[in-house]
């Protein structure tokens, strides 16, 4: 997603600063563990670090992105930079063995070698033990970069031999900007930036007719239930239930509903750049003025409770009907 140093700094400022200091001071560790959820830029940062190590003309540690070394790393065909991906569902011992053989040879173009293990938590036990031996006796000028979303599933002995670099979720404001750059309409980017942290998924949802309709249904349901919860129950029957059928879809509908009430809170606190539904600002502003902070807090709690009840397989129709009542101060969810 991002290639420039400026982009990487915006996406992961703490991780970028740590790695840049290492490059500038020539104190690169022999092994790193990049940990964070999917879509936070771990692989992009790993490739950036590799470019920083091999670049022919770095400027204060920042790779030029223009030399042959930077281009070959970006294209995935540098002979001394190896990327290991899961073979099927796991990374197997044979893959680590071949990597060890490759690293026992002299570098093709320099003494330095770098390897990136994507989804390192998916290594089999045998592969993890083989890699551990590799980490315990690192080759000179070798840098290992392990990427994981599930650090707790990795061997503690491997974790202890790596310098940990945490990757945080992208801020919704920054992520929205990236989606707009990808051609997503700003209005749709606003809500998608709160539902996912993955550009590809967000772009796909922005043109998905089911999702576009889902957004409309939840906004209409909100508009009806704030004045007539019993009319809202009719809407649940006629509009909601035919559209939201799978559990994941129902959960997403509750997230869309939750974001409406968060918008009211953002309007009350003058955080208009955080809105998920900026096209509804005028309507929401009126509602926010007529709603107390305490009432909003209670409504948000009700929605979170509905999400919990959904995970306990509560009947969808019953859940939604009770939700309509509770948002108006009726019977509690059971």
C-alpha atoms as a PDB file:
ATOM      1  CA  UNK A   1       0.000   0.000   0.000  1.00  0.00           C
ATOM      2  CA  UNK A   2       2.687   2.488   0.994  1.00  0.00           C
ATOM      3  CA  UNK A   3       6.160   2.808  -0.400  1.00  0.00           C
ATOM      4  CA  UNK A   4       7.472   6.256   0.449  1.00  0.00           C
ATOM      5  CA  UNK A   5       9.158   6.997   3.735  1.00  0.00           C
ATOM      6  CA  UNK A   6       6.619   9.767   4.337  1.00  0.00           C
ATOM      7  CA  UNK A   7       3.731   7.315   4.025  1.00  0.00           C
ATOM      8  CA  UNK A   8       5.362   4.794   6.344  1.00  0.00           C
ATOM      9  CA  UNK A   9       5.978   7.494   8.934  1.00  0.00           C
ATOM     10  CA  UNK A  10       2.307   8.450   8.864  1.00  0.00           C
ATOM     11  CA  UNK A  11       1.123   4.856   9.049  1.00  0.00           C
ATOM     12  CA  UNK A  12       3.402   3.652  11.842  1.00  0.00           C
ATOM     13  CA  UNK A  13       5.308   6.594  13.366  1.00  0.00           C
ATOM     14  CA  UNK A  14       6.815   4.708  16.333  1.00  0.00           C
ATOM     15  CA  UNK A  15       7.935   1.683  14.311  1.00  0.00           C
ATOM     16  CA  UNK A  16       9.305   3.919  11.557  1.00  0.00           C
ATOM     17  CA  UNK A  17      11.291   6.035  14.013  1.00  0.00           C
ATOM     18  CA  UNK A  18      12.777   2.978  15.727  1.00  0.00           C
ATOM     19  CA  UNK A  19      13.923   1.376  12.482  1.00  0.00           C
ATOM     20  CA  UNK A  20      15.202   4.637  11.026  1.00  0.00           C
ATOM     21  CA  UNK A  21      17.352   5.222  14.114  1.00  0.00           C
ATOM     22  CA  UNK A  22      18.783   1.712  13.717  1.00  0.00           C
ATOM     23  CA  UNK A  23      19.655   2.344  10.062  1.00  0.00           C
ATOM     24  CA  UNK A  24      21.161   5.767  10.708  1.00  0.00           C
ATOM     25  CA  UNK A  25      23.319   4.513  13.585  1.00  0.00           C
ATOM     26  CA  UNK A  26      24.160   1.245  11.838  1.00  0.00           C
ATOM     27  CA  UNK A  27      22.754  -0.702  14.781  1.00  0.00           C
ATOM     28  CA  UNK A  28      20.389  -3.027  12.977  1.00  0.00           C
ATOM     29  CA  UNK A  29      19.460  -6.048  15.091  1.00  0.00           C
ATOM     30  CA  UNK A  30      20.053  -9.558  13.764  1.00  0.00           C
ATOM     31  CA  UNK A  31      16.361 -10.443  14.188  1.00  0.00           C
ATOM     32  CA  UNK A  32      13.111  -8.456  14.374  1.00  0.00           C
ATOM     33  CA  UNK A  33       9.537  -9.446  15.143  1.00  0.00           C
ATOM     34  CA  UNK A  34       6.955  -7.173  13.516  1.00  0.00           C
ATOM     35  CA  UNK A  35       3.661  -7.797  15.326  1.00  0.00           C
ATOM     36  CA  UNK A  36       0.248  -6.345  14.494  1.00  0.00           C
ATOM     37  CA  UNK A  37      -3.073  -7.095  12.828  1.00  0.00           C
ATOM     38  CA  UNK A  38      -3.429  -7.526   9.088  1.00  0.00           C
ATOM     39  CA  UNK A  39      -3.331  -4.297   7.121  1.00  0.00           C
ATOM     40  CA  UNK A  40      -1.060  -2.314   9.447  1.00  0.00           C
ATOM     41  CA  UNK A  41       1.919  -2.257   7.049  1.00  0.00           C
ATOM     42  CA  UNK A  42       4.235  -4.912   8.505  1.00  0.00           C
ATOM     43  CA  UNK A  43       5.373  -6.294   5.159  1.00  0.00           C
ATOM     44  CA  UNK A  44       5.808  -2.841   3.633  1.00  0.00           C
ATOM     45  CA  UNK A  45       7.993  -1.851   6.588  1.00  0.00           C
ATOM     46  CA  UNK A  46      10.000  -5.077   6.317  1.00  0.00           C
ATOM     47  CA  UNK A  47      10.724  -4.354   2.647  1.00  0.00           C
ATOM     48  CA  UNK A  48      11.624  -0.780   3.546  1.00  0.00           C
ATOM     49  CA  UNK A  49      14.120  -2.038   6.117  1.00  0.00           C
ATOM     50  CA  UNK A  50      15.596  -4.426   3.544  1.00  0.00           C
ATOM     51  CA  UNK A  51      15.969  -1.565   1.075  1.00  0.00           C
ATOM     52  CA  UNK A  52      17.679   0.493   3.760  1.00  0.00           C
ATOM     53  CA  UNK A  53      20.213  -2.290   4.267  1.00  0.00           C
ATOM     54  CA  UNK A  54      21.008  -2.760   0.565  1.00  0.00           C
ATOM     55  CA  UNK A  55      20.426   0.685  -0.971  1.00  0.00           C
ATOM     56  CA  UNK A  56      23.414   2.043  -2.919  1.00  0.00           C
ATOM     57  CA  UNK A  57      22.745   5.690  -2.095  1.00  0.00           C
ATOM     58  CA  UNK A  58      20.713   6.094   1.096  1.00  0.00           C
ATOM     59  CA  UNK A  59      20.168   9.591   2.454  1.00  0.00           C
ATOM     60  CA  UNK A  60      20.561   9.632   6.250  1.00  0.00           C
ATOM     61  CA  UNK A  61      19.509   6.022   6.346  1.00  0.00           C
ATOM     62  CA  UNK A  62      16.473   6.472   4.083  1.00  0.00           C
ATOM     63  CA  UNK A  63      16.694   4.244   0.979  1.00  0.00           C
ATOM     64  CA  UNK A  64      16.566   6.164  -2.287  1.00  0.00           C
ATOM     65  CA  UNK A  65      13.886   3.868  -3.783  1.00  0.00           C
ATOM     66  CA  UNK A  66      15.506   4.507  -7.189  1.00  0.00           C
ATOM     67  CA  UNK A  67      18.680   2.408  -7.374  1.00  0.00           C
ATOM     68  CA  UNK A  68      18.800  -1.112  -8.809  1.00  0.00           C
ATOM     69  CA  UNK A  69      18.916  -2.636  -5.314  1.00  0.00           C
ATOM     70  CA  UNK A  70      15.729  -0.862  -4.166  1.00  0.00           C
ATOM     71  CA  UNK A  71      13.922  -1.732  -7.396  1.00  0.00           C
ATOM     72  CA  UNK A  72      14.849  -5.422  -7.224  1.00  0.00           C
ATOM     73  CA  UNK A  73      13.736  -5.716  -3.621  1.00  0.00           C
ATOM     74  CA  UNK A  74      10.428  -4.033  -4.507  1.00  0.00           C
ATOM     75  CA  UNK A  75       9.977  -6.441  -7.437  1.00  0.00           C
ATOM     76  CA  UNK A  76      10.833  -9.484  -5.304  1.00  0.00           C
ATOM     77  CA  UNK A  77      13.868 -10.640  -7.293  1.00  0.00           C
ATOM     78  CA  UNK A  78      16.862  -9.585  -5.199  1.00  0.00           C
ATOM     79  CA  UNK A  79      19.142 -12.646  -4.774  1.00  0.00           C
ATOM     80  CA  UNK A  80      20.054 -11.781  -1.179  1.00  0.00           C
ATOM     81  CA  UNK A  81      16.577 -10.908   0.099  1.00  0.00           C
ATOM     82  CA  UNK A  82      14.310 -13.915   0.638  1.00  0.00           C
ATOM     83  CA  UNK A  83      10.620 -13.844   1.553  1.00  0.00           C
ATOM     84  CA  UNK A  84       9.062 -16.987   3.047  1.00  0.00           C
ATOM     85  CA  UNK A  85       5.273 -17.357   2.737  1.00  0.00           C
ATOM     86  CA  UNK A  86       3.068 -20.159   4.098  1.00  0.00           C
ATOM     87  CA  UNK A  87       2.924 -23.181   1.806  1.00  0.00           C
ATOM     88  CA  UNK A  88      -0.795 -23.820   2.056  1.00  0.00           C
ATOM     89  CA  UNK A  89      -1.848 -23.424   5.686  1.00  0.00           C
ATOM     90  CA  UNK A  90       1.620 -23.525   7.249  1.00  0.00           C
ATOM     91  CA  UNK A  91       5.316 -22.808   6.859  1.00  0.00           C
ATOM     92  CA  UNK A  92       7.039 -26.159   6.706  1.00  0.00           C
ATOM     93  CA  UNK A  93      10.421 -27.412   7.921  1.00  0.00           C
ATOM     94  CA  UNK A  94      11.584 -27.935   4.332  1.00  0.00           C
ATOM     95  CA  UNK A  95      11.119 -24.228   3.601  1.00  0.00           C
ATOM     96  CA  UNK A  96      13.328 -23.283   6.550  1.00  0.00           C
ATOM     97  CA  UNK A  97      15.893 -25.931   5.548  1.00  0.00           C
ATOM     98  CA  UNK A  98      16.148 -24.483   2.027  1.00  0.00           C
ATOM     99  CA  UNK A  99      16.516 -21.010   3.544  1.00  0.00           C
ATOM    100  CA  UNK A 100      19.356 -22.215   5.761  1.00  0.00           C
ATOM    101  CA  UNK A 101      21.104 -23.766   2.771  1.00  0.00           C
ATOM    102  CA  UNK A 102      20.751 -20.528   0.841  1.00  0.00           C
ATOM    103  CA  UNK A 103      22.172 -18.512   3.706  1.00  0.00           C
ATOM    104  CA  UNK A 104      25.154 -20.812   4.096  1.00  0.00           C
ATOM    105  CA  UNK A 105      26.343 -19.486   0.727  1.00  0.00           C
ATOM    106  CA  UNK A 106      28.147 -16.211   0.213  1.00  0.00           C
ATOM    107  CA  UNK A 107      25.887 -13.326  -0.760  1.00  0.00           C
ATOM    108  CA  UNK A 108      25.487 -12.915  -4.493  1.00  0.00           C
ATOM    109  CA  UNK A 109      26.094  -9.177  -4.500  1.00  0.00           C
ATOM    110  CA  UNK A 110      27.349  -8.392  -0.994  1.00  0.00           C
ATOM    111  CA  UNK A 111      28.104 -10.114   2.290  1.00  0.00           C
ATOM    112  CA  UNK A 112      24.713  -9.120   3.633  1.00  0.00           C
ATOM    113  CA  UNK A 113      21.589 -11.283   3.526  1.00  0.00           C
ATOM    114  CA  UNK A 114      18.054 -10.645   4.732  1.00  0.00           C
ATOM    115  CA  UNK A 115      15.058 -12.915   5.063  1.00  0.00           C
ATOM    116  CA  UNK A 116      11.429 -12.068   5.788  1.00  0.00           C
ATOM    117  CA  UNK A 117       9.093 -14.725   7.213  1.00  0.00           C
ATOM    118  CA  UNK A 118       5.491 -13.702   6.631  1.00  0.00           C
ATOM    119  CA  UNK A 119       2.874 -15.193   9.004  1.00  0.00           C
ATOM    120  CA  UNK A 120       5.653 -16.578  11.183  1.00  0.00           C
ATOM    121  CA  UNK A 121       3.047 -17.871  13.645  1.00  0.00           C
ATOM    122  CA  UNK A 122       2.042 -20.432  11.003  1.00  0.00           C
ATOM    123  CA  UNK A 123       5.334 -22.311  11.198  1.00  0.00           C
ATOM    124  CA  UNK A 124       4.981 -25.988  12.084  1.00  0.00           C
ATOM    125  CA  UNK A 125       6.702 -27.083  15.293  1.00  0.00           C
ATOM    126  CA  UNK A 126       9.515 -28.602  13.234  1.00  0.00           C
ATOM    127  CA  UNK A 127       9.928 -25.432  11.167  1.00  0.00           C
ATOM    128  CA  UNK A 128       9.943 -23.261  14.293  1.00  0.00           C
ATOM    129  CA  UNK A 129      12.631 -25.413  15.927  1.00  0.00           C
ATOM    130  CA  UNK A 130      14.746 -25.238  12.771  1.00  0.00           C
ATOM    131  CA  UNK A 131      14.403 -21.463  12.658  1.00  0.00           C
ATOM    132  CA  UNK A 132      15.291 -21.264  16.342  1.00  0.00           C
ATOM    133  CA  UNK A 133      18.651 -22.901  15.651  1.00  0.00           C
ATOM    134  CA  UNK A 134      19.142 -20.388  12.869  1.00  0.00           C
ATOM    135  CA  UNK A 135      18.423 -17.493  15.234  1.00  0.00           C
ATOM    136  CA  UNK A 136      20.645 -18.888  17.990  1.00  0.00           C
ATOM    137  CA  UNK A 137      23.676 -18.859  15.694  1.00  0.00           C
ATOM    138  CA  UNK A 138      23.058 -15.933  13.343  1.00  0.00           C
ATOM    139  CA  UNK A 139      25.288 -15.589  10.313  1.00  0.00           C
ATOM    140  CA  UNK A 140      27.300 -12.368  10.171  1.00  0.00           C
ATOM    141  CA  UNK A 141      25.492  -9.563   8.327  1.00  0.00           C
ATOM    142  CA  UNK A 142      22.224 -11.503   8.320  1.00  0.00           C
ATOM    143  CA  UNK A 143      18.951  -9.830   9.282  1.00  0.00           C
ATOM    144  CA  UNK A 144      15.789 -11.810  10.019  1.00  0.00           C
ATOM    145  CA  UNK A 145      12.386 -10.116   9.975  1.00  0.00           C
ATOM    146  CA  UNK A 146       9.461 -12.190  11.261  1.00  0.00           C
ATOM    147  CA  UNK A 147       5.913 -10.931  10.674  1.00  0.00           C
ATOM    148  CA  UNK A 148       2.977 -12.104  12.772  1.00  0.00           C
ATOM    149  CA  UNK A 149      -0.597 -11.331  13.734  1.00  0.00           C
ATOM    150  CA  UNK A 150      -0.585 -13.978  16.491  1.00  0.00           C
ATOM    151  CA  UNK A 151       2.546 -13.482  18.571  1.00  0.00           C
ATOM    152  CA  UNK A 152       1.181 -15.683  21.369  1.00  0.00           C
ATOM    153  CA  UNK A 153       1.255 -18.687  19.034  1.00  0.00           C
ATOM    154  CA  UNK A 154       5.026 -18.501  18.552  1.00  0.00           C
ATOM    155  CA  UNK A 155       7.742 -20.200  20.588  1.00  0.00           C
ATOM    156  CA  UNK A 156       8.851 -18.025  23.544  1.00  0.00           C
ATOM    157  CA  UNK A 157      12.445 -18.939  22.696  1.00  0.00           C
ATOM    158  CA  UNK A 158      12.037 -17.390  19.245  1.00  0.00           C
ATOM    159  CA  UNK A 159      10.374 -14.286  20.672  1.00  0.00           C
ATOM    160  CA  UNK A 160      13.217 -13.810  23.134  1.00  0.00           C
ATOM    161  CA  UNK A 161      15.763 -13.671  20.307  1.00  0.00           C
ATOM    162  CA  UNK A 162      13.965 -10.972  18.331  1.00  0.00           C
ATOM    163  CA  UNK A 163      13.632  -7.247  18.798  1.00  0.00           C
ATOM    164  CA  UNK A 164       9.884  -6.649  19.043  1.00  0.00           C
ATOM    165  CA  UNK A 165       8.334  -3.885  16.930  1.00  0.00           C
ATOM    166  CA  UNK A 166       4.620  -3.330  17.499  1.00  0.00           C
ATOM    167  CA  UNK A 167       2.344  -2.158  14.668  1.00  0.00           C
ATOM    168  CA  UNK A 168      -0.764  -0.292  15.755  1.00  0.00           C
ATOM    169  CA  UNK A 169      -4.114  -0.074  13.989  1.00  0.00           C
ATOM    170  CA  UNK A 170      -4.174   2.744  11.476  1.00  0.00           C
ATOM    171  CA  UNK A 171      -6.086   5.783  12.673  1.00  0.00           C
ATOM    172  CA  UNK A 172      -9.492   6.088  11.012  1.00  0.00           C
ATOM    173  CA  UNK A 173      -8.642   9.587   9.738  1.00  0.00           C
ATOM    174  CA  UNK A 174      -5.442   8.417   8.030  1.00  0.00           C
ATOM    175  CA  UNK A 175      -7.105   5.283   6.680  1.00  0.00           C
ATOM    176  CA  UNK A 176      -9.950   7.348   5.238  1.00  0.00           C
ATOM    177  CA  UNK A 177      -7.402   9.479   3.365  1.00  0.00           C
ATOM    178  CA  UNK A 178      -5.830   6.343   1.890  1.00  0.00           C
ATOM    179  CA  UNK A 179      -9.237   5.061   0.751  1.00  0.00           C
ATOM    180  CA  UNK A 180     -10.036   8.362  -0.939  1.00  0.00           C
ATOM    181  CA  UNK A 181      -6.685   8.125  -2.742  1.00  0.00           C
ATOM    182  CA  UNK A 182      -7.786   4.669  -3.930  1.00  0.00           C
ATOM    183  CA  UNK A 183     -10.902   6.198  -5.481  1.00  0.00           C
ATOM    184  CA  UNK A 184     -13.432   5.475  -2.726  1.00  0.00           C
ATOM    185  CA  UNK A 185     -16.052   8.220  -2.331  1.00  0.00           C
ATOM    186  CA  UNK A 186     -15.315  10.276   0.824  1.00  0.00           C
ATOM    187  CA  UNK A 187     -18.762   9.540   2.293  1.00  0.00           C
ATOM    188  CA  UNK A 188     -18.297   5.795   1.925  1.00  0.00           C
ATOM    189  CA  UNK A 189     -14.653   6.023   3.041  1.00  0.00           C
ATOM    190  CA  UNK A 190     -15.815   7.591   6.310  1.00  0.00           C
ATOM    191  CA  UNK A 191     -17.799   4.560   7.418  1.00  0.00           C
ATOM    192  CA  UNK A 192     -15.472   1.936   5.911  1.00  0.00           C
ATOM    193  CA  UNK A 193     -12.498   3.397   7.789  1.00  0.00           C
ATOM    194  CA  UNK A 194     -14.277   2.392  11.017  1.00  0.00           C
ATOM    195  CA  UNK A 195     -15.198  -1.130   9.891  1.00  0.00           C
ATOM    196  CA  UNK A 196     -11.942  -2.491   8.490  1.00  0.00           C
ATOM    197  CA  UNK A 197      -8.219  -1.801   8.484  1.00  0.00           C
ATOM    198  CA  UNK A 198      -7.597  -3.406   5.094  1.00  0.00           C
ATOM    199  CA  UNK A 199      -7.552  -1.309   1.934  1.00  0.00           C
ATOM    200  CA  UNK A 200      -8.497  -4.153  -0.404  1.00  0.00           C
ATOM    201  CA  UNK A 201     -11.503  -5.138   1.683  1.00  0.00           C
ATOM    202  CA  UNK A 202     -12.662  -1.527   2.032  1.00  0.00           C
ATOM    203  CA  UNK A 203     -12.387  -0.848  -1.715  1.00  0.00           C
ATOM    204  CA  UNK A 204     -14.361  -4.014  -2.454  1.00  0.00           C
ATOM    205  CA  UNK A 205     -17.093  -3.119   0.058  1.00  0.00           C
ATOM    206  CA  UNK A 206     -17.391   0.409  -1.351  1.00  0.00           C
ATOM    207  CA  UNK A 207     -18.771  -1.001  -4.609  1.00  0.00           C
ATOM    208  CA  UNK A 208     -20.637  -3.941  -3.081  1.00  0.00           C
ATOM    209  CA  UNK A 209     -24.373  -3.386  -3.654  1.00  0.00           C
ATOM    210  CA  UNK A 210     -25.210  -5.471  -0.580  1.00  0.00           C
ATOM    211  CA  UNK A 211     -23.116  -3.203   1.656  1.00  0.00           C
ATOM    212  CA  UNK A 212     -24.425  -0.008   0.051  1.00  0.00           C
ATOM    213  CA  UNK A 213     -27.965  -1.219   0.748  1.00  0.00           C
ATOM    214  CA  UNK A 214     -27.012  -2.323   4.282  1.00  0.00           C
ATOM    215  CA  UNK A 215     -25.890   1.202   5.094  1.00  0.00           C
ATOM    216  CA  UNK A 216     -29.187   2.629   3.835  1.00  0.00           C
ATOM    217  CA  UNK A 217     -31.279   0.112   5.790  1.00  0.00           C
ATOM    218  CA  UNK A 218     -29.550   0.837   9.104  1.00  0.00           C
ATOM    219  CA  UNK A 219     -29.818   4.601   8.654  1.00  0.00           C
ATOM    220  CA  UNK A 220     -33.522   4.274   7.838  1.00  0.00           C
ATOM    221  CA  UNK A 221     -34.044   1.975  10.819  1.00  0.00           C
ATOM    222  CA  UNK A 222     -32.420   4.569  13.068  1.00  0.00           C
ATOM    223  CA  UNK A 223     -34.615   7.321  11.668  1.00  0.00           C
ATOM    224  CA  UNK A 224     -37.794   5.299  12.281  1.00  0.00           C
ATOM    225  CA  UNK A 225     -36.982   3.882  15.719  1.00  0.00           C
ATOM    226  CA  UNK A 226     -36.107   7.223  17.321  1.00  0.00           C
ATOM    227  CA  UNK A 227     -39.764   8.273  16.975  1.00  0.00           C
ATOM    228  CA  UNK A 228     -41.678   5.002  16.759  1.00  0.00           C
ATOM    229  CA  UNK A 229     -39.986   1.803  17.971  1.00  0.00           C
ATOM    230  CA  UNK A 230     -43.053  -0.259  17.021  1.00  0.00           C
ATOM    231  CA  UNK A 231     -42.834   0.963  13.416  1.00  0.00           C
ATOM    232  CA  UNK A 232     -39.157   0.028  13.604  1.00  0.00           C
ATOM    233  CA  UNK A 233     -40.163  -3.540  14.479  1.00  0.00           C
ATOM    234  CA  UNK A 234     -42.194  -3.640  11.281  1.00  0.00           C
ATOM    235  CA  UNK A 235     -39.101  -2.451   9.400  1.00  0.00           C
ATOM    236  CA  UNK A 236     -37.089  -5.224  11.018  1.00  0.00           C
ATOM    237  CA  UNK A 237     -39.526  -7.709   9.468  1.00  0.00           C
ATOM    238  CA  UNK A 238     -39.835  -6.090   6.051  1.00  0.00           C
ATOM    239  CA  UNK A 239     -36.355  -4.646   5.407  1.00  0.00           C
ATOM    240  CA  UNK A 240     -33.826  -5.897   7.945  1.00  0.00           C
ATOM    241  CA  UNK A 241     -34.344  -9.674   8.197  1.00  0.00           C
ATOM    242  CA  UNK A 242     -34.457 -10.296   4.404  1.00  0.00           C
ATOM    243  CA  UNK A 243     -31.143  -8.455   3.962  1.00  0.00           C
ATOM    244  CA  UNK A 244     -29.094  -9.539   6.975  1.00  0.00           C
ATOM    245  CA  UNK A 245     -29.107 -13.337   7.052  1.00  0.00           C
ATOM    246  CA  UNK A 246     -25.647 -14.565   8.061  1.00  0.00           C
ATOM    247  CA  UNK A 247     -24.225 -14.007  11.524  1.00  0.00           C
ATOM    248  CA  UNK A 248     -21.319 -11.943  10.162  1.00  0.00           C
ATOM    249  CA  UNK A 249     -23.781  -9.712   8.299  1.00  0.00           C
ATOM    250  CA  UNK A 250     -25.895  -9.209  11.422  1.00  0.00           C
ATOM    251  CA  UNK A 251     -22.780  -8.322  13.406  1.00  0.00           C
ATOM    252  CA  UNK A 252     -21.799  -5.797  10.733  1.00  0.00           C
ATOM    253  CA  UNK A 253     -25.305  -4.296  10.854  1.00  0.00           C
ATOM    254  CA  UNK A 254     -24.906  -3.716  14.593  1.00  0.00           C
ATOM    255  CA  UNK A 255     -21.550  -2.055  13.922  1.00  0.00           C
ATOM    256  CA  UNK A 256     -23.220   0.239  11.380  1.00  0.00           C
ATOM    257  CA  UNK A 257     -25.892   1.078  13.991  1.00  0.00           C
ATOM    258  CA  UNK A 258     -23.272   1.632  16.687  1.00  0.00           C
ATOM    259  CA  UNK A 259     -21.441   4.123  14.469  1.00  0.00           C
ATOM    260  CA  UNK A 260     -24.592   6.243  14.206  1.00  0.00           C
ATOM    261  CA  UNK A 261     -24.699   6.746  17.966  1.00  0.00           C
ATOM    262  CA  UNK A 262     -20.952   7.360  18.062  1.00  0.00           C
ATOM    263  CA  UNK A 263     -21.493  10.122  15.507  1.00  0.00           C
ATOM    264  CA  UNK A 264     -23.962  11.788  17.882  1.00  0.00           C
ATOM    265  CA  UNK A 265     -21.300  11.669  20.571  1.00  0.00           C
ATOM    266  CA  UNK A 266     -18.647  13.087  18.211  1.00  0.00           C
ATOM    267  CA  UNK A 267     -20.999  15.945  17.314  1.00  0.00           C
ATOM    268  CA  UNK A 268     -21.544  16.706  21.002  1.00  0.00           C
ATOM    269  CA  UNK A 269     -17.770  16.841  21.514  1.00  0.00           C
ATOM    270  CA  UNK A 270     -17.072  18.767  18.266  1.00  0.00           C
ATOM    271  CA  UNK A 271     -15.033  15.972  16.661  1.00  0.00           C
ATOM    272  CA  UNK A 272     -16.566  16.305  13.231  1.00  0.00           C
ATOM    273  CA  UNK A 273     -13.564  14.803  11.423  1.00  0.00           C
ATOM    274  CA  UNK A 274     -14.382  11.479  13.148  1.00  0.00           C
ATOM    275  CA  UNK A 275     -17.888  11.147  11.688  1.00  0.00           C
ATOM    276  CA  UNK A 276     -18.866   7.882   9.989  1.00  0.00           C
ATOM    277  CA  UNK A 277     -21.906   9.437   8.286  1.00  0.00           C
ATOM    278  CA  UNK A 278     -20.888  13.000   7.353  1.00  0.00           C
ATOM    279  CA  UNK A 279     -23.754  13.195   4.831  1.00  0.00           C
ATOM    280  CA  UNK A 280     -26.179  12.936   7.777  1.00  0.00           C
ATOM    281  CA  UNK A 281     -24.556  15.730   9.780  1.00  0.00           C
ATOM    282  CA  UNK A 282     -27.549  18.065   9.734  1.00  0.00           C
ATOM    283  CA  UNK A 283     -29.965  15.382  10.956  1.00  0.00           C
ATOM    284  CA  UNK A 284     -27.538  14.025  13.535  1.00  0.00           C
ATOM    285  CA  UNK A 285     -26.727  17.516  14.819  1.00  0.00           C
ATOM    286  CA  UNK A 286     -30.395  18.074  15.656  1.00  0.00           C
ATOM    287  CA  UNK A 287     -30.596  14.664  17.352  1.00  0.00           C
ATOM    288  CA  UNK A 288     -27.389  15.271  19.290  1.00  0.00           C
ATOM    289  CA  UNK A 289     -28.793  18.510  20.714  1.00  0.00           C
ATOM    290  CA  UNK A 290     -31.870  16.634  21.945  1.00  0.00           C
ATOM    291  CA  UNK A 291     -29.917  13.765  23.509  1.00  0.00           C
ATOM    292  CA  UNK A 292     -27.998  13.844  26.781  1.00  0.00           C
ATOM    293  CA  UNK A 293     -24.523  12.368  27.123  1.00  0.00           C
ATOM    294  CA  UNK A 294     -25.938   9.925  29.684  1.00  0.00           C
ATOM    295  CA  UNK A 295     -28.631   8.731  27.291  1.00  0.00           C
ATOM    296  CA  UNK A 296     -26.074   8.261  24.518  1.00  0.00           C
ATOM    297  CA  UNK A 297     -23.860   6.285  26.865  1.00  0.00           C
ATOM    298  CA  UNK A 298     -26.788   4.011  27.729  1.00  0.00           C
ATOM    299  CA  UNK A 299     -27.677   3.516  24.051  1.00  0.00           C
ATOM    300  CA  UNK A 300     -24.096   2.606  23.167  1.00  0.00           C
ATOM    301  CA  UNK A 301     -24.079   0.109  26.044  1.00  0.00           C
ATOM    302  CA  UNK A 302     -27.315  -1.432  24.734  1.00  0.00           C
ATOM    303  CA  UNK A 303     -25.805  -1.894  21.271  1.00  0.00           C
ATOM    304  CA  UNK A 304     -22.653  -3.485  22.666  1.00  0.00           C
ATOM    305  CA  UNK A 305     -24.827  -5.830  24.705  1.00  0.00           C
ATOM    306  CA  UNK A 306     -26.729  -6.753  21.533  1.00  0.00           C
ATOM    307  CA  UNK A 307     -23.443  -7.688  19.861  1.00  0.00           C
ATOM    308  CA  UNK A 308     -22.612  -9.900  22.826  1.00  0.00           C
ATOM    309  CA  UNK A 309     -26.040 -11.540  22.705  1.00  0.00           C
ATOM    310  CA  UNK A 310     -25.557 -12.218  18.997  1.00  0.00           C
ATOM    311  CA  UNK A 311     -22.388 -14.177  19.751  1.00  0.00           C
ATOM    312  CA  UNK A 312     -24.444 -16.277  22.159  1.00  0.00           C
ATOM    313  CA  UNK A 313     -26.730 -17.191  19.224  1.00  0.00           C
ATOM    314  CA  UNK A 314     -29.766 -15.242  20.353  1.00  0.00           C
ATOM    315  CA  UNK A 315     -32.623 -15.318  17.822  1.00  0.00           C
ATOM    316  CA  UNK A 316     -32.061 -12.441  15.375  1.00  0.00           C
ATOM    317  CA  UNK A 317     -35.652 -11.228  15.193  1.00  0.00           C
ATOM    318  CA  UNK A 318     -36.008 -11.235  18.979  1.00  0.00           C
ATOM    319  CA  UNK A 319     -32.657  -9.509  19.408  1.00  0.00           C
ATOM    320  CA  UNK A 320     -33.538  -6.707  16.982  1.00  0.00           C
ATOM    321  CA  UNK A 321     -37.061  -6.182  18.307  1.00  0.00           C
ATOM    322  CA  UNK A 322     -35.780  -5.900  21.865  1.00  0.00           C
ATOM    323  CA  UNK A 323     -33.036  -3.589  20.665  1.00  0.00           C
ATOM    324  CA  UNK A 324     -35.610  -1.207  19.156  1.00  0.00           C
ATOM    325  CA  UNK A 325     -37.451  -1.071  22.472  1.00  0.00           C
ATOM    326  CA  UNK A 326     -34.340  -0.723  24.621  1.00  0.00           C
ATOM    327  CA  UNK A 327     -33.009   2.186  22.564  1.00  0.00           C
ATOM    328  CA  UNK A 328     -36.228   3.965  23.485  1.00  0.00           C
ATOM    329  CA  UNK A 329     -35.933   2.983  27.148  1.00  0.00           C
ATOM    330  CA  UNK A 330     -38.154  -0.091  27.011  1.00  0.00           C
ATOM    331  CA  UNK A 331     -37.594  -3.626  28.224  1.00  0.00           C
ATOM    332  CA  UNK A 332     -34.006  -4.702  28.734  1.00  0.00           C
ATOM    333  CA  UNK A 333     -32.316  -7.279  26.553  1.00  0.00           C
ATOM    334  CA  UNK A 334     -32.479 -10.772  27.965  1.00  0.00           C
END
